Protein backbone atom coordinates (compact mmCIF):
# COMPACT_ATOMS: atom_id res chain seq x y z
CA MET A 1 91.17 120.70 73.91
CA ASN A 2 88.06 120.32 76.11
CA SER A 3 87.96 120.97 79.82
CA THR A 4 87.34 117.30 80.67
CA THR A 5 90.70 116.38 79.18
CA MET A 6 92.30 119.22 81.09
CA ARG A 7 90.71 118.05 84.34
CA ARG A 8 91.93 114.49 83.76
CA ALA A 9 95.39 115.80 83.01
CA GLY A 10 95.25 117.80 86.23
CA LEU A 11 94.47 114.63 88.16
CA SER A 12 97.30 112.81 86.40
CA ILE A 13 99.69 115.53 87.49
CA ALA A 14 98.51 115.11 91.09
CA VAL A 15 99.12 111.35 90.94
CA ALA A 16 102.59 111.83 89.47
CA ALA A 17 103.46 114.43 92.09
CA ALA A 18 102.26 112.16 94.87
CA LEU A 19 104.40 109.29 93.60
CA THR A 20 107.40 111.60 93.14
CA GLY A 21 107.12 113.34 96.49
CA VAL A 22 106.40 110.26 98.55
CA ALA A 23 109.14 108.41 96.68
CA ALA A 24 111.56 111.10 97.64
CA CYS A 25 110.33 110.84 101.19
CA GLY A 26 110.54 107.19 101.05
CA SER A 27 108.12 105.12 102.67
CA SER A 28 110.42 89.45 112.15
CA GLY A 29 113.63 91.06 113.24
CA GLY A 30 113.70 89.29 116.59
CA ASP A 31 114.78 91.00 119.79
CA ASP A 32 115.30 94.75 119.36
CA ASP A 33 118.80 94.74 120.81
CA ALA A 34 119.87 91.35 119.52
CA LYS A 35 123.27 91.00 117.91
CA ASP A 36 124.68 88.25 115.73
CA LYS A 37 128.27 87.15 115.57
CA LYS A 38 129.71 86.34 112.18
CA ASP A 39 133.32 85.75 111.21
CA GLY A 40 134.45 86.88 114.67
CA SER A 41 132.76 90.31 114.40
CA VAL A 42 129.66 91.71 116.03
CA ALA A 43 126.84 92.85 113.71
CA LEU A 44 123.62 94.61 114.62
CA SER A 45 120.38 92.73 114.14
CA PRO A 46 118.19 93.99 111.25
CA ILE A 47 115.87 95.82 113.67
CA ALA A 48 118.69 97.56 115.55
CA ALA A 49 120.44 98.43 112.27
CA LEU A 50 117.25 99.93 110.83
CA ARG A 51 116.84 102.14 113.89
CA SER A 52 120.30 103.58 113.32
CA ILE A 53 119.51 104.07 109.62
CA GLU A 54 116.25 105.79 110.50
CA ASP A 55 118.01 108.30 112.75
CA LYS A 56 120.94 109.01 110.42
CA THR A 57 118.74 109.59 107.37
CA ASP A 58 116.33 111.76 109.34
CA ASP A 59 119.22 113.98 110.48
CA ALA A 60 120.67 114.39 106.96
CA ASP A 61 118.01 117.06 106.10
CA SER A 62 118.25 116.86 102.28
CA ALA A 63 119.44 114.80 99.31
CA LYS A 64 119.42 114.54 95.54
CA ILE A 65 117.04 111.94 94.14
CA GLU A 66 116.79 110.03 90.87
CA GLY A 67 114.36 107.28 90.08
CA LYS A 68 111.75 105.53 88.01
CA THR A 69 108.14 104.58 88.72
CA VAL A 70 105.86 102.21 86.82
CA MET A 71 102.22 102.06 87.90
CA GLY A 72 100.53 99.35 85.84
CA THR A 73 99.03 100.60 82.59
CA GLN A 74 98.43 104.05 84.05
CA MET A 75 101.88 105.58 84.15
CA SER A 76 105.61 105.19 83.86
CA MET A 77 107.91 108.08 84.64
CA ASN A 78 111.46 109.08 85.49
CA MET A 79 112.25 111.68 88.15
CA ASP A 80 115.24 113.80 89.02
CA GLY A 81 115.74 116.58 91.57
CA ALA A 82 116.47 117.41 95.18
CA MET A 83 114.31 117.29 98.31
CA ALA A 84 114.68 118.63 101.87
CA TRP A 85 112.81 117.50 105.00
CA SER A 86 114.10 119.49 107.98
CA ASP A 87 110.84 121.48 108.20
CA GLY A 88 108.23 119.67 106.15
CA ILE A 89 108.84 118.37 102.64
CA THR A 90 110.25 120.91 100.16
CA GLY A 91 112.05 120.46 96.87
CA ASN A 92 112.37 120.80 93.12
CA VAL A 93 111.76 117.70 90.98
CA THR A 94 111.32 117.16 87.25
CA ALA A 95 109.16 114.18 86.24
CA THR A 96 109.36 112.83 82.69
CA LEU A 97 106.31 110.76 81.73
CA THR A 98 107.45 107.88 79.52
CA GLY A 99 104.32 105.76 79.04
CA GLY A 100 100.81 104.78 80.15
CA THR A 101 97.39 106.35 79.81
CA GLN A 102 98.30 109.37 81.90
CA ALA A 103 101.34 110.06 79.74
CA ASP A 104 99.03 109.92 76.71
CA GLN A 105 96.82 112.57 78.29
CA MET A 106 99.80 114.83 78.88
CA GLN A 107 101.07 114.35 75.32
CA GLN A 108 97.76 115.76 74.10
CA MET A 109 98.80 118.92 75.87
CA GLY A 110 102.26 118.91 74.36
CA GLN A 111 103.82 117.99 77.69
CA SER A 112 106.08 115.09 78.62
CA LYS A 113 108.12 116.79 81.35
CA ILE A 114 106.60 118.41 84.43
CA ASP A 115 108.48 120.65 86.82
CA TYR A 116 107.27 120.32 90.41
CA ARG A 117 107.92 122.62 93.34
CA TYR A 118 107.11 121.20 96.78
CA LEU A 119 106.35 123.53 99.69
CA LYS A 120 105.04 122.89 103.22
CA THR A 121 101.37 123.52 102.40
CA GLY A 122 101.23 121.99 98.91
CA PHE A 123 102.98 121.56 95.61
CA TYR A 124 102.95 123.29 92.22
CA ALA A 125 103.12 121.82 88.71
CA ASN A 126 104.11 123.70 85.56
CA MET A 127 101.60 122.57 82.90
CA GLY A 128 103.17 124.38 79.94
CA ASP A 129 102.07 126.87 77.30
CA GLN A 130 99.23 124.82 75.79
CA PHE A 131 97.50 124.47 79.14
CA ALA A 132 97.99 128.19 79.85
CA SER A 133 96.37 129.19 76.55
CA GLN A 134 93.49 126.67 76.58
CA ALA A 135 92.44 126.14 80.19
CA GLY A 136 94.67 128.09 82.53
CA GLY A 137 93.57 131.59 81.62
CA GLY A 138 97.13 132.38 80.63
CA LYS A 139 98.53 130.74 83.79
CA HIS A 140 101.13 127.98 83.59
CA TRP A 141 101.18 126.64 87.16
CA ILE A 142 98.58 124.60 89.06
CA GLU A 143 98.61 124.83 92.85
CA TYR A 144 97.75 121.59 94.66
CA ASP A 145 96.94 122.55 98.23
CA TYR A 146 97.18 119.59 100.63
CA GLU A 147 93.98 120.57 102.42
CA THR A 148 92.08 120.51 99.11
CA LEU A 149 93.58 117.16 98.10
CA ALA A 150 92.64 115.71 101.49
CA GLU A 151 89.03 116.82 100.98
CA LEU A 152 88.87 115.30 97.50
CA GLY A 153 90.63 112.05 98.37
CA GLY A 154 88.81 110.93 101.50
CA ALA A 155 90.92 108.74 103.81
CA ALA A 156 93.56 108.32 101.11
CA GLY A 157 93.70 112.10 100.84
CA ASP A 158 94.19 112.47 104.58
CA ALA A 159 96.96 109.88 104.56
CA PHE A 160 98.66 111.54 101.59
CA LYS A 161 98.49 114.97 103.21
CA ASP A 162 100.09 113.63 106.38
CA GLN A 163 102.84 111.82 104.47
CA MET A 164 103.70 114.83 102.31
CA GLN A 165 103.86 117.20 105.27
CA ASN A 166 105.53 115.03 107.89
CA THR A 167 107.57 112.16 106.49
CA THR A 168 111.24 111.97 105.56
CA PRO A 169 113.22 109.71 103.20
CA ASN A 170 113.45 107.12 105.97
CA GLN A 171 109.69 106.43 105.76
CA SER A 172 110.45 103.13 104.07
CA VAL A 173 112.71 102.27 107.03
CA LYS A 174 109.91 103.13 109.46
CA MET A 175 107.52 100.90 107.51
CA LEU A 176 109.93 97.97 107.72
CA LEU A 177 110.38 98.53 111.44
CA ALA A 178 106.63 98.73 112.03
CA SER A 179 105.99 95.57 110.05
CA GLY A 180 108.47 93.51 112.04
CA ASP A 181 109.08 91.52 108.85
CA VAL A 182 112.58 92.45 107.73
CA LYS A 183 115.73 90.53 106.93
CA ARG A 184 119.31 91.39 106.11
CA VAL A 185 119.91 90.11 102.57
CA GLY A 186 123.65 90.80 102.43
CA GLU A 187 126.29 93.16 101.11
CA GLU A 188 126.00 94.52 97.56
CA THR A 189 127.58 97.28 95.46
CA VAL A 190 125.23 100.01 94.19
CA ARG A 191 126.67 102.47 91.69
CA GLY A 192 130.15 101.88 93.01
CA THR A 193 129.17 102.19 96.68
CA LYS A 194 129.39 99.31 99.15
CA THR A 195 125.97 98.81 100.74
CA THR A 196 123.98 96.49 102.98
CA HIS A 197 120.68 95.25 101.55
CA TYR A 198 117.55 94.83 103.72
CA SER A 199 114.16 93.54 102.58
CA GLY A 200 110.67 93.10 104.02
CA GLU A 201 106.95 92.99 103.29
CA VAL A 202 104.39 95.43 104.67
CA ASP A 203 100.60 95.70 104.81
CA VAL A 204 100.12 98.92 102.81
CA ALA A 205 96.75 100.11 104.08
CA ASP A 206 97.35 99.20 107.72
CA LEU A 207 100.75 100.89 107.99
CA THR A 208 99.73 103.92 105.92
CA GLY A 209 96.72 104.39 108.18
CA LYS A 210 98.77 104.10 111.34
CA ASN A 211 101.40 106.53 110.06
CA ALA A 212 98.67 109.03 109.17
CA ASP A 213 96.94 108.65 112.56
CA LEU A 214 93.54 107.88 111.03
CA ASP A 215 90.51 106.99 113.13
CA ALA A 216 88.70 103.66 112.77
CA SER A 217 86.25 104.81 110.07
CA GLN A 218 88.98 106.53 108.05
CA LEU A 219 91.18 103.44 108.28
CA ALA A 220 88.30 101.27 107.08
CA GLU A 221 87.74 103.61 104.13
CA LEU A 222 91.44 103.61 103.31
CA LYS A 223 91.57 99.80 103.31
CA LYS A 224 88.53 99.77 101.01
CA GLN A 225 90.28 102.14 98.60
CA PHE A 226 93.42 100.00 98.54
CA SER A 227 91.27 96.88 98.08
CA GLN A 228 89.51 98.46 95.10
CA ALA A 229 92.92 99.17 93.60
CA GLY A 230 93.90 95.55 94.20
CA MET A 231 96.83 96.55 96.40
CA SER A 232 97.32 94.80 99.75
CA THR A 233 100.99 94.12 100.49
CA GLU A 234 104.16 95.77 99.31
CA THR A 235 107.74 94.50 99.21
CA ILE A 236 110.31 97.10 100.27
CA ASP A 237 114.04 96.77 99.69
CA ILE A 238 116.63 99.28 100.85
CA TRP A 239 120.38 99.55 100.31
CA VAL A 240 122.36 101.47 102.94
CA ASN A 241 125.97 102.72 102.90
CA ASP A 242 128.56 102.56 105.69
CA ASP A 243 127.27 105.90 107.05
CA ASP A 244 123.80 104.36 107.59
CA LEU A 245 122.29 106.48 104.81
CA LEU A 246 119.94 105.21 102.12
CA VAL A 247 121.57 104.77 98.72
CA LYS A 248 118.72 102.98 96.96
CA LYS A 249 115.13 101.97 97.64
CA THR A 250 112.67 99.81 95.72
CA GLU A 251 108.95 99.24 96.36
CA LYS A 252 106.91 96.60 94.54
CA ALA A 253 103.23 95.67 94.71
CA ASP A 254 100.46 94.16 92.58
CA MET A 255 97.43 96.21 91.50
CA LYS A 256 94.37 95.55 89.34
CA THR A 257 95.87 97.70 86.58
CA GLY A 258 99.21 95.88 86.71
CA SER A 259 102.35 95.96 88.82
CA PHE A 260 103.58 98.93 90.83
CA ASN A 261 107.36 99.17 90.76
CA GLN A 262 109.43 102.09 91.99
CA THR A 263 113.20 102.52 92.28
CA VAL A 264 114.83 105.60 93.83
CA TYR A 265 118.51 106.47 94.26
CA TYR A 266 119.71 108.96 96.90
CA SER A 267 122.97 110.94 96.83
CA ASP A 268 124.64 114.17 98.00
CA TYR A 269 123.02 114.24 101.43
CA GLY A 270 122.99 117.76 102.86
CA THR A 271 122.78 119.39 99.43
CA PRO A 272 121.32 122.96 99.53
CA VAL A 273 117.65 123.07 98.50
CA SER A 274 115.90 126.36 97.74
CA VAL A 275 112.32 126.41 96.48
CA GLU A 276 110.63 129.49 95.03
CA LYS A 277 106.86 129.74 95.05
CA PRO A 278 105.53 130.44 91.53
CA PRO A 279 104.09 133.95 91.09
CA ALA A 280 100.39 134.21 91.93
CA SER A 281 99.79 135.93 88.60
CA ASP A 282 100.91 132.74 86.81
CA THR A 283 99.11 130.24 89.10
CA MET A 284 95.61 128.74 89.28
CA SER A 285 94.32 126.39 91.98
CA PHE A 286 93.52 122.74 91.38
CA LYS A 287 90.06 123.37 92.87
CA ASP A 288 89.38 126.04 90.23
CA LEU A 289 90.45 123.62 87.51
CA MET A 290 88.12 120.93 88.85
CA ASN A 291 85.26 123.42 89.02
CA GLN A 292 85.57 124.37 85.34
CA GLN A 293 83.28 121.46 84.46
CA PRO A 294 81.62 120.17 87.67
CA GLN A 295 79.37 117.71 85.84
CA ALA A 296 82.32 115.80 84.31
């Protein structure tokens, strides 16, 4: 297998890890303190309720996650694992690529499942035996340092780095709060759990830029990148239990390559999460992989 294919596969792994990690971290309501009476009871307004949800989820520190992502014709994958966020994003997640062009690239390497390990400064992906023998110099793991990804990705890279290092599963709640466009849909049962469903629409580039604290030129570049991808707004839905903790989240948006659709389930808040850094002797950097064939 040539190095160009390996490099493309390496980029595919970065995209999948970004979608998995940020999924795990999650991404007008009227007067902030308004309350509505219904059936003789007092209920918090959507904005006030989301603020409680934001705090409770932030304090939970960790959870198990399970979900599915479809990104147009590029990728579809399932994910399963556990993530913690008390001191940066850490966790262990297995992604199973089920379709799309990026899954095809991985199948050429004999891989359909990828084990990810997330640490504060970056994440690691186990690329398997075929990669180790053909491109990895006998090494199975690729290290994706956030600083390197930020350099390669421009404004989008800066935003991704900030999200992966600083956000928590309530990021989707923060986005709904920042947008001001959120409504309480009603009560629904999710996997046997009674939940309250909230929904809203956000401007993806604008809110991502604000959350990443980008300057004016970086924000302009980020909006250009989202525009090139054909992605402008995103619909976010969350389902929350009686303890004000996320049980389910969906994100939907249109892109030039098709629809983006992601569903994530959260459970076992407070679960222990221990992440072991792969041995240096079995690890190569993403930058070294990209430099194997600079002209590609």
